[in-house]
Amino acid sequence: MEEQLLNRAKKGEDDAFHQLIERHLKTVEKFAYQLGVSSAHVEDVTQEVFLKVYRFLHKHDRGKFTTWLYSITLNVVRDFYRKEQRMKRKTIELQRQAPEQMYVEDHFDEVTRALHEMIQQLDEKYKIPIVLHYFHALSYQEIAKIMNVSEGAIKTRMLRAKQQLKLQYEKVGEK
């Protein structure tokens, strides 16, 4: 069914493209948020992802659509962070005055929020595999393709990420 939707969307059928968006909207939003995009910007990042999908859909010719979609999302998030860093210098005082409400507050309990905060503290190379594997059920092989590294590198990063999370969790337990 997904392959049919892709083919129809590549032929310019708007309805097929809208169905692809509906199928994958929540996944893109969730992944962007889990990579650290604030709830206030998740919608903007998601919109940018689907604009890029629309512009470059004709270039997707092999592999799983979702793997390609995760790669696009990851690149859009990275671009967003670069832009945000440039803007941050100008808005530090404003951010102090207007604390941001977290997306997770409305959807998850306290333990899940604490885990989310711990994951956000990981370096990107550890955070991304953890999020994709545990929250998006992707295989190490798929994650390796998305991140453009070897499967062995993903295995190592997963091990190190779990070790770091375990240490953080143990520190919380000591308090």
N, C-alpha and C. Protein backbone atom coordinates (compact mmCIF):
# COMPACT_ATOMS: atom_id res chain seq x y z
N MET A 1 0.83 -1.20 0.00
CA MET A 1 0.00 0.00 0.00
C MET A 1 0.87 1.26 0.00
N GLU A 2 1.91 1.25 0.83
CA GLU A 2 2.80 2.42 0.91
C GLU A 2 3.48 2.65 -0.44
N GLU A 3 3.92 1.56 -1.08
CA GLU A 3 4.57 1.68 -2.39
C GLU A 3 3.62 2.27 -3.41
N GLN A 4 2.36 1.88 -3.35
CA GLN A 4 1.36 2.43 -4.27
C GLN A 4 1.17 3.93 -4.02
N LEU A 5 1.07 4.30 -2.75
CA LEU A 5 0.94 5.73 -2.41
C LEU A 5 2.13 6.52 -2.93
N LEU A 6 3.32 5.97 -2.75
CA LEU A 6 4.53 6.64 -3.22
C LEU A 6 4.49 6.85 -4.73
N ASN A 7 4.15 5.80 -5.43
CA ASN A 7 4.09 5.90 -6.89
C ASN A 7 3.06 6.92 -7.35
N ARG A 8 1.90 6.91 -6.70
CA ARG A 8 0.86 7.88 -7.06
C ARG A 8 1.30 9.30 -6.73
N ALA A 9 1.95 9.47 -5.58
CA ALA A 9 2.42 10.80 -5.18
C ALA A 9 3.50 11.29 -6.14
N LYS A 10 4.38 10.39 -6.57
CA LYS A 10 5.42 10.77 -7.53
C LYS A 10 4.82 11.21 -8.86
N LYS A 11 3.65 10.69 -9.18
CA LYS A 11 2.97 11.07 -10.42
C LYS A 11 2.21 12.38 -10.26
N GLY A 12 2.25 12.94 -9.07
CA GLY A 12 1.62 14.25 -8.85
C GLY A 12 0.23 14.20 -8.25
N GLU A 13 -0.20 13.04 -7.77
CA GLU A 13 -1.52 12.95 -7.15
C GLU A 13 -1.47 13.54 -5.74
N ASP A 14 -2.13 14.66 -5.57
CA ASP A 14 -2.13 15.35 -4.27
C ASP A 14 -2.74 14.50 -3.17
N ASP A 15 -3.79 13.77 -3.48
CA ASP A 15 -4.45 12.94 -2.49
C ASP A 15 -3.48 11.88 -1.93
N ALA A 16 -2.70 11.29 -2.80
CA ALA A 16 -1.73 10.28 -2.36
C ALA A 16 -0.68 10.90 -1.45
N PHE A 17 -0.21 12.10 -1.82
CA PHE A 17 0.78 12.77 -0.99
C PHE A 17 0.19 13.12 0.38
N HIS A 18 -1.05 13.58 0.40
CA HIS A 18 -1.70 13.91 1.68
C HIS A 18 -1.84 12.66 2.55
N GLN A 19 -2.11 11.53 1.93
CA GLN A 19 -2.21 10.27 2.68
C GLN A 19 -0.84 9.89 3.28
N LEU A 20 0.23 10.12 2.52
CA LEU A 20 1.57 9.87 3.05
C LEU A 20 1.84 10.77 4.26
N ILE A 21 1.46 12.01 4.15
CA ILE A 21 1.64 12.94 5.28
C ILE A 21 0.87 12.44 6.49
N GLU A 22 -0.40 12.09 6.29
CA GLU A 22 -1.22 11.61 7.41
C GLU A 22 -0.60 10.39 8.07
N ARG A 23 -0.06 9.49 7.27
CA ARG A 23 0.54 8.26 7.80
C ARG A 23 1.78 8.53 8.64
N HIS A 24 2.54 9.54 8.27
CA HIS A 24 3.86 9.73 8.88
C HIS A 24 4.00 11.02 9.70
N LEU A 25 2.96 11.80 9.80
CA LEU A 25 3.02 13.08 10.50
C LEU A 25 3.45 12.91 11.96
N LYS A 26 2.77 12.04 12.69
CA LYS A 26 3.08 11.86 14.11
C LYS A 26 4.49 11.32 14.32
N THR A 27 4.93 10.44 13.42
CA THR A 27 6.28 9.89 13.53
C THR A 27 7.32 10.99 13.40
N VAL A 28 7.15 11.87 12.42
CA VAL A 28 8.09 12.97 12.21
C VAL A 28 8.05 13.92 13.40
N GLU A 29 6.86 14.27 13.87
CA GLU A 29 6.74 15.16 15.03
C GLU A 29 7.44 14.56 16.24
N LYS A 30 7.18 13.30 16.50
CA LYS A 30 7.75 12.62 17.66
C LYS A 30 9.28 12.56 17.57
N PHE A 31 9.78 12.20 16.40
CA PHE A 31 11.24 12.10 16.21
C PHE A 31 11.89 13.47 16.38
N ALA A 32 11.31 14.50 15.81
CA ALA A 32 11.87 15.85 15.94
C ALA A 32 11.89 16.27 17.40
N TYR A 33 10.81 16.02 18.10
CA TYR A 33 10.75 16.37 19.52
C TYR A 33 11.81 15.60 20.31
N GLN A 34 11.91 14.31 20.01
CA GLN A 34 12.87 13.48 20.74
C GLN A 34 14.31 13.86 20.45
N LEU A 35 14.55 14.51 19.33
CA LEU A 35 15.89 15.01 19.03
C LEU A 35 16.15 16.34 19.71
N GLY A 36 15.14 16.88 20.39
CA GLY A 36 15.34 18.09 21.17
C GLY A 36 14.67 19.33 20.63
N VAL A 37 13.90 19.19 19.57
CA VAL A 37 13.18 20.35 19.04
C VAL A 37 12.07 20.70 20.03
N SER A 38 11.98 21.95 20.41
CA SER A 38 11.00 22.36 21.40
C SER A 38 9.58 22.20 20.85
N SER A 39 8.63 22.07 21.74
CA SER A 39 7.24 21.89 21.32
C SER A 39 6.75 23.06 20.49
N ALA A 40 7.30 24.23 20.73
CA ALA A 40 6.90 25.42 19.98
C ALA A 40 7.38 25.37 18.52
N HIS A 41 8.40 24.54 18.24
CA HIS A 41 8.97 24.49 16.90
C HIS A 41 8.74 23.18 16.17
N VAL A 42 8.17 22.19 16.85
CA VAL A 42 7.95 20.88 16.23
C VAL A 42 7.12 21.00 14.95
N GLU A 43 6.08 21.80 15.00
CA GLU A 43 5.21 21.95 13.83
C GLU A 43 5.97 22.57 12.65
N ASP A 44 6.80 23.57 12.92
CA ASP A 44 7.58 24.21 11.86
C ASP A 44 8.57 23.22 11.22
N VAL A 45 9.26 22.47 12.07
CA VAL A 45 10.22 21.49 11.58
C VAL A 45 9.51 20.42 10.76
N THR A 46 8.37 19.96 11.25
CA THR A 46 7.60 18.94 10.54
C THR A 46 7.15 19.46 9.18
N GLN A 47 6.69 20.68 9.14
CA GLN A 47 6.28 21.27 7.87
C GLN A 47 7.45 21.34 6.90
N GLU A 48 8.60 21.73 7.38
CA GLU A 48 9.80 21.80 6.53
C GLU A 48 10.18 20.41 6.01
N VAL A 49 10.04 19.39 6.86
CA VAL A 49 10.34 18.02 6.44
C VAL A 49 9.46 17.63 5.26
N PHE A 50 8.16 17.87 5.38
CA PHE A 50 7.25 17.45 4.32
C PHE A 50 7.38 18.32 3.07
N LEU A 51 7.82 19.56 3.22
CA LEU A 51 8.12 20.36 2.04
C LEU A 51 9.30 19.75 1.27
N LYS A 52 10.31 19.32 2.01
CA LYS A 52 11.46 18.68 1.37
C LYS A 52 11.06 17.34 0.74
N VAL A 53 10.22 16.59 1.43
CA VAL A 53 9.74 15.33 0.86
C VAL A 53 9.02 15.61 -0.45
N TYR A 54 8.19 16.61 -0.46
CA TYR A 54 7.44 16.96 -1.67
C TYR A 54 8.39 17.36 -2.81
N ARG A 55 9.37 18.19 -2.47
CA ARG A 55 10.30 18.68 -3.50
C ARG A 55 11.19 17.57 -4.06
N PHE A 56 11.54 16.59 -3.23
CA PHE A 56 12.52 15.60 -3.64
C PHE A 56 11.95 14.18 -3.75
N LEU A 57 10.65 14.05 -3.70
CA LEU A 57 10.03 12.73 -3.77
C LEU A 57 10.46 11.98 -5.03
N HIS A 58 10.61 12.68 -6.12
CA HIS A 58 11.02 12.04 -7.37
C HIS A 58 12.42 11.42 -7.27
N LYS A 59 13.22 11.86 -6.32
CA LYS A 59 14.58 11.32 -6.16
C LYS A 59 14.60 10.04 -5.32
N HIS A 60 13.53 9.77 -4.60
CA HIS A 60 13.47 8.55 -3.80
C HIS A 60 13.15 7.39 -4.74
N ASP A 61 14.15 6.54 -4.96
CA ASP A 61 13.93 5.46 -5.92
C ASP A 61 14.23 4.08 -5.36
N ARG A 62 14.76 4.00 -4.17
CA ARG A 62 15.01 2.68 -3.59
C ARG A 62 15.08 2.80 -2.07
N GLY A 63 14.97 1.66 -1.42
CA GLY A 63 15.00 1.64 0.03
C GLY A 63 13.65 2.00 0.63
N LYS A 64 13.57 1.84 1.93
CA LYS A 64 12.32 2.13 2.62
C LYS A 64 12.06 3.63 2.66
N PHE A 65 10.82 3.98 2.42
CA PHE A 65 10.43 5.39 2.48
C PHE A 65 10.69 5.95 3.87
N THR A 66 10.39 5.17 4.92
CA THR A 66 10.55 5.68 6.28
C THR A 66 12.01 5.96 6.61
N THR A 67 12.93 5.15 6.09
CA THR A 67 14.35 5.40 6.32
C THR A 67 14.73 6.74 5.70
N TRP A 68 14.26 6.97 4.48
CA TRP A 68 14.51 8.24 3.78
C TRP A 68 13.89 9.40 4.56
N LEU A 69 12.68 9.19 5.07
CA LEU A 69 11.97 10.22 5.82
C LEU A 69 12.71 10.57 7.11
N TYR A 70 13.23 9.55 7.82
CA TYR A 70 14.02 9.82 9.03
C TYR A 70 15.28 10.61 8.68
N SER A 71 15.92 10.29 7.57
CA SER A 71 17.12 11.02 7.16
C SER A 71 16.80 12.48 6.89
N ILE A 72 15.72 12.72 6.19
CA ILE A 72 15.30 14.10 5.92
C ILE A 72 15.01 14.83 7.23
N THR A 73 14.28 14.17 8.12
CA THR A 73 13.94 14.78 9.41
C THR A 73 15.21 15.13 10.18
N LEU A 74 16.15 14.21 10.21
CA LEU A 74 17.41 14.45 10.91
C LEU A 74 18.13 15.66 10.32
N ASN A 75 18.19 15.75 9.00
CA ASN A 75 18.85 16.89 8.36
C ASN A 75 18.12 18.20 8.62
N VAL A 76 16.80 18.18 8.59
CA VAL A 76 16.03 19.39 8.87
C VAL A 76 16.26 19.83 10.32
N VAL A 77 16.29 18.87 11.24
CA VAL A 77 16.54 19.21 12.65
C VAL A 77 17.93 19.81 12.80
N ARG A 78 18.91 19.23 12.14
CA ARG A 78 20.28 19.79 12.23
C ARG A 78 20.31 21.21 11.67
N ASP A 79 19.66 21.43 10.54
CA ASP A 79 19.58 22.78 9.97
C ASP A 79 18.88 23.73 10.94
N PHE A 80 17.83 23.24 11.55
CA PHE A 80 17.09 24.05 12.51
C PHE A 80 18.00 24.46 13.68
N TYR A 81 18.79 23.50 14.18
CA TYR A 81 19.70 23.81 15.29
C TYR A 81 20.74 24.86 14.89
N ARG A 82 21.27 24.75 13.69
CA ARG A 82 22.25 25.75 13.24
C ARG A 82 21.61 27.14 13.21
N LYS A 83 20.42 27.20 12.67
CA LYS A 83 19.70 28.48 12.61
C LYS A 83 19.38 28.97 14.02
N GLU A 84 18.96 28.05 14.86
CA GLU A 84 18.60 28.42 16.23
C GLU A 84 19.81 28.96 16.99
N GLN A 85 20.98 28.37 16.78
CA GLN A 85 22.18 28.86 17.45
C GLN A 85 22.50 30.30 17.05
N ARG A 86 22.29 30.61 15.78
CA ARG A 86 22.52 31.99 15.33
C ARG A 86 21.54 32.94 16.00
N MET A 87 20.31 32.51 16.12
CA MET A 87 19.27 33.36 16.72
C MET A 87 19.40 33.44 18.23
N LYS A 88 19.96 32.41 18.83
CA LYS A 88 20.03 32.33 20.28
C LYS A 88 20.80 33.49 20.89
N ARG A 89 21.85 33.88 20.23
CA ARG A 89 22.66 34.99 20.75
C ARG A 89 21.84 36.24 20.96
N LYS A 90 20.84 36.43 20.10
CA LYS A 90 20.01 37.63 20.16
C LYS A 90 18.84 37.50 21.13
N THR A 91 18.48 36.29 21.48
CA THR A 91 17.25 36.10 22.25
C THR A 91 17.43 35.48 23.63
N ILE A 92 18.64 35.44 24.13
CA ILE A 92 18.88 34.81 25.43
C ILE A 92 18.02 35.44 26.53
N GLU A 93 17.97 36.73 26.59
CA GLU A 93 17.18 37.40 27.63
C GLU A 93 15.69 37.10 27.48
N LEU A 94 15.20 37.09 26.28
CA LEU A 94 13.79 36.78 26.04
C LEU A 94 13.45 35.36 26.50
N GLN A 95 14.35 34.43 26.24
CA GLN A 95 14.10 33.05 26.65
C GLN A 95 14.03 32.92 28.18
N ARG A 96 14.80 33.69 28.88
CA ARG A 96 14.76 33.66 30.35
C ARG A 96 13.41 34.15 30.86
N GLN A 97 12.84 35.13 30.17
CA GLN A 97 11.58 35.73 30.62
C GLN A 97 10.36 34.89 30.25
N ALA A 98 10.45 34.09 29.21
CA ALA A 98 9.30 33.30 28.74
C ALA A 98 9.65 31.82 28.74
N PRO A 99 9.57 31.14 29.89
CA PRO A 99 9.91 29.71 29.91
C PRO A 99 8.96 28.91 29.02
N GLU A 100 9.54 27.95 28.38
CA GLU A 100 8.84 27.15 27.39
C GLU A 100 8.09 26.00 28.04
N GLN A 101 6.90 25.74 27.57
CA GLN A 101 6.15 24.59 28.07
C GLN A 101 6.52 23.39 27.22
N MET A 102 6.82 22.30 27.86
CA MET A 102 7.29 21.11 27.16
C MET A 102 6.13 20.31 26.58
N TYR A 103 6.33 19.82 25.36
CA TYR A 103 5.37 18.93 24.70
C TYR A 103 5.09 17.72 25.57
N VAL A 104 6.13 17.20 26.19
CA VAL A 104 6.02 15.97 26.97
C VAL A 104 5.14 16.15 28.19
N GLU A 105 5.03 17.36 28.73
CA GLU A 105 4.23 17.58 29.93
C GLU A 105 2.78 17.18 29.73
N ASP A 106 2.27 17.40 28.53
CA ASP A 106 0.88 17.09 28.26
C ASP A 106 0.64 15.63 27.94
N HIS A 107 1.70 14.89 27.59
CA HIS A 107 1.51 13.55 27.07
C HIS A 107 2.15 12.44 27.90
N PHE A 108 3.02 12.76 28.85
CA PHE A 108 3.74 11.72 29.54
C PHE A 108 3.77 11.96 31.05
N ASP A 109 3.99 10.88 31.79
CA ASP A 109 4.06 10.98 33.25
C ASP A 109 5.45 11.46 33.68
N GLU A 110 5.63 11.59 34.99
CA GLU A 110 6.85 12.16 35.54
C GLU A 110 8.09 11.32 35.22
N VAL A 111 7.97 10.00 35.29
CA VAL A 111 9.11 9.12 35.00
C VAL A 111 9.54 9.27 33.55
N THR A 112 8.56 9.32 32.65
CA THR A 112 8.85 9.48 31.22
C THR A 112 9.51 10.82 30.96
N ARG A 113 9.03 11.86 31.64
CA ARG A 113 9.65 13.18 31.50
C ARG A 113 11.11 13.16 31.94
N ALA A 114 11.36 12.48 33.07
CA ALA A 114 12.73 12.39 33.58
C ALA A 114 13.63 11.65 32.59
N LEU A 115 13.12 10.56 32.02
CA LEU A 115 13.88 9.82 31.02
C LEU A 115 14.15 10.70 29.80
N HIS A 116 13.13 11.43 29.37
CA HIS A 116 13.31 12.33 28.22
C HIS A 116 14.42 13.34 28.51
N GLU A 117 14.43 13.91 29.69
CA GLU A 117 15.46 14.89 30.04
C GLU A 117 16.84 14.25 30.03
N MET A 118 16.93 13.01 30.50
CA MET A 118 18.22 12.31 30.49
C MET A 118 18.68 12.05 29.06
N ILE A 119 17.77 11.65 28.21
CA ILE A 119 18.11 11.39 26.80
C ILE A 119 18.55 12.69 26.13
N GLN A 120 17.91 13.81 26.47
CA GLN A 120 18.28 15.10 25.86
C GLN A 120 19.69 15.52 26.24
N GLN A 121 20.20 15.03 27.35
CA GLN A 121 21.55 15.40 27.79
C GLN A 121 22.63 14.62 27.06
N LEU A 122 22.26 13.55 26.36
CA LEU A 122 23.23 12.76 25.61
C LEU A 122 23.73 13.54 24.39
N ASP A 123 24.95 13.24 23.98
CA ASP A 123 25.46 13.79 22.72
C ASP A 123 24.57 13.29 21.59
N GLU A 124 24.49 14.06 20.51
CA GLU A 124 23.63 13.71 19.38
C GLU A 124 23.93 12.31 18.84
N LYS A 125 25.21 11.93 18.79
CA LYS A 125 25.55 10.63 18.21
C LYS A 125 25.04 9.47 19.06
N TYR A 126 24.73 9.71 20.33
CA TYR A 126 24.13 8.69 21.19
C TYR A 126 22.61 8.84 21.26
N LYS A 127 22.15 10.08 21.29
CA LYS A 127 20.71 10.34 21.43
C LYS A 127 19.93 9.80 20.24
N ILE A 128 20.40 10.05 19.03
CA ILE A 128 19.65 9.67 17.84
C ILE A 128 19.44 8.16 17.75
N PRO A 129 20.47 7.33 17.94
CA PRO A 129 20.21 5.88 17.89
C PRO A 129 19.24 5.40 18.98
N ILE A 130 19.35 5.94 20.18
CA ILE A 130 18.44 5.55 21.27
C ILE A 130 17.00 5.87 20.89
N VAL A 131 16.77 7.08 20.42
CA VAL A 131 15.42 7.51 20.05
C VAL A 131 14.88 6.66 18.91
N LEU A 132 15.67 6.47 17.88
CA LEU A 132 15.19 5.71 16.71
C LEU A 132 14.95 4.24 17.05
N HIS A 133 15.79 3.67 17.87
CA HIS A 133 15.63 2.25 18.20
C HIS A 133 14.48 2.00 19.17
N TYR A 134 14.47 2.71 20.27
CA TYR A 134 13.49 2.43 21.32
C TYR A 134 12.14 3.11 21.13
N PHE A 135 12.10 4.24 20.47
CA PHE A 135 10.84 4.96 20.33
C PHE A 135 10.26 4.87 18.93
N HIS A 136 11.07 4.42 17.97
CA HIS A 136 10.57 4.30 16.59
C HIS A 136 10.78 2.89 16.04
N ALA A 137 11.29 1.99 16.89
CA ALA A 137 11.44 0.57 16.57
C ALA A 137 12.23 0.31 15.28
N LEU A 138 13.27 1.10 15.06
CA LEU A 138 14.11 0.87 13.88
C LEU A 138 15.25 -0.07 14.25
N SER A 139 15.70 -0.85 13.28
CA SER A 139 16.82 -1.75 13.49
C SER A 139 18.13 -0.97 13.46
N TYR A 140 19.18 -1.60 13.97
CA TYR A 140 20.49 -0.96 13.94
C TYR A 140 20.90 -0.67 12.49
N GLN A 141 20.56 -1.58 11.59
CA GLN A 141 20.90 -1.41 10.18
C GLN A 141 20.22 -0.17 9.61
N GLU A 142 18.93 0.02 9.92
CA GLU A 142 18.20 1.19 9.43
C GLU A 142 18.79 2.47 10.02
N ILE A 143 19.12 2.43 11.31
CA ILE A 143 19.69 3.61 11.96
C ILE A 143 21.04 3.95 11.33
N ALA A 144 21.82 2.93 11.03
CA ALA A 144 23.12 3.15 10.40
C ALA A 144 22.96 3.86 9.05
N LYS A 145 21.94 3.46 8.28
CA LYS A 145 21.69 4.11 6.99
C LYS A 145 21.29 5.57 7.18
N ILE A 146 20.42 5.81 8.15
CA ILE A 146 19.94 7.18 8.40
C ILE A 146 21.10 8.08 8.82
N MET A 147 21.98 7.55 9.68
CA MET A 147 23.07 8.37 10.21
C MET A 147 24.33 8.30 9.34
N ASN A 148 24.28 7.46 8.33
CA ASN A 148 25.40 7.32 7.40
C ASN A 148 26.68 6.87 8.10
N VAL A 149 26.53 5.87 8.98
CA VAL A 149 27.67 5.25 9.66
C VAL A 149 27.49 3.74 9.58
N SER A 150 28.48 2.99 10.05
CA SER A 150 28.39 1.52 10.00
C SER A 150 27.46 1.00 11.10
N GLU A 151 26.98 -0.20 10.88
CA GLU A 151 26.13 -0.84 11.89
C GLU A 151 26.91 -1.07 13.18
N GLY A 152 28.20 -1.38 13.05
CA GLY A 152 29.06 -1.55 14.23
C GLY A 152 29.14 -0.27 15.05
N ALA A 153 29.21 0.87 14.36
CA ALA A 153 29.25 2.15 15.06
C ALA A 153 27.96 2.37 15.85
N ILE A 154 26.85 1.97 15.26
CA ILE A 154 25.56 2.12 15.95
C ILE A 154 25.52 1.24 17.19
N LYS A 155 25.99 0.01 17.07
CA LYS A 155 26.02 -0.90 18.22
C LYS A 155 26.85 -0.31 19.35
N THR A 156 28.01 0.25 19.00
CA THR A 156 28.88 0.87 20.01
C THR A 156 28.20 2.08 20.64
N ARG A 157 27.58 2.90 19.81
CA ARG A 157 26.91 4.10 20.32
C ARG A 157 25.74 3.72 21.23
N MET A 158 25.00 2.68 20.86
CA MET A 158 23.88 2.24 21.70
C MET A 158 24.40 1.78 23.06
N LEU A 159 25.47 1.01 23.06
CA LEU A 159 26.04 0.52 24.31
C LEU A 159 26.48 1.69 25.19
N ARG A 160 27.17 2.63 24.60
CA ARG A 160 27.65 3.79 25.37
C ARG A 160 26.49 4.66 25.85
N ALA A 161 25.48 4.81 25.03
CA ALA A 161 24.31 5.60 25.43
C ALA A 161 23.61 4.96 26.61
N LYS A 162 23.43 3.64 26.55
CA LYS A 162 22.77 2.94 27.66
C LYS A 162 23.60 3.05 28.94
N GLN A 163 24.91 2.98 28.80
CA GLN A 163 25.77 3.13 29.98
C GLN A 163 25.63 4.52 30.58
N GLN A 164 25.60 5.55 29.73
CA GLN A 164 25.45 6.92 30.22
C GLN A 164 24.09 7.12 30.89
N LEU A 165 23.04 6.58 30.28
CA LEU A 165 21.70 6.71 30.87
C LEU A 165 21.62 5.98 32.20
N LYS A 166 22.25 4.83 32.27
CA LYS A 166 22.26 4.08 33.53
C LYS A 166 22.95 4.88 34.63
N LEU A 167 24.08 5.49 34.31
CA LEU A 167 24.78 6.33 35.29
C LEU A 167 23.93 7.50 35.75
N GLN A 168 23.26 8.15 34.80
CA GLN A 168 22.37 9.28 35.15
C GLN A 168 21.24 8.80 36.04
N TYR A 169 20.68 7.65 35.70
CA TYR A 169 19.56 7.10 36.47
C TYR A 169 20.01 6.76 37.89
N GLU A 170 21.19 6.18 38.03
CA GLU A 170 21.70 5.85 39.35
C GLU A 170 21.96 7.09 40.19
N LYS A 171 22.42 8.17 39.55
CA LYS A 171 22.64 9.44 40.26
C LYS A 171 21.33 9.99 40.80
N VAL A 172 20.28 9.88 40.00
CA VAL A 172 18.96 10.35 40.43
C VAL A 172 18.48 9.54 41.63
N GLY A 173 18.75 8.23 41.60
CA GLY A 173 18.34 7.35 42.68
C GLY A 173 19.06 7.63 43.98
N GLU A 174 20.24 8.20 43.92
CA GLU A 174 21.02 8.50 45.13
C GLU A 174 20.47 9.71 45.88
N LYS A 175 19.76 10.57 45.17
CA LYS A 175 19.28 11.82 45.78
C LYS A 175 18.12 11.59 46.69
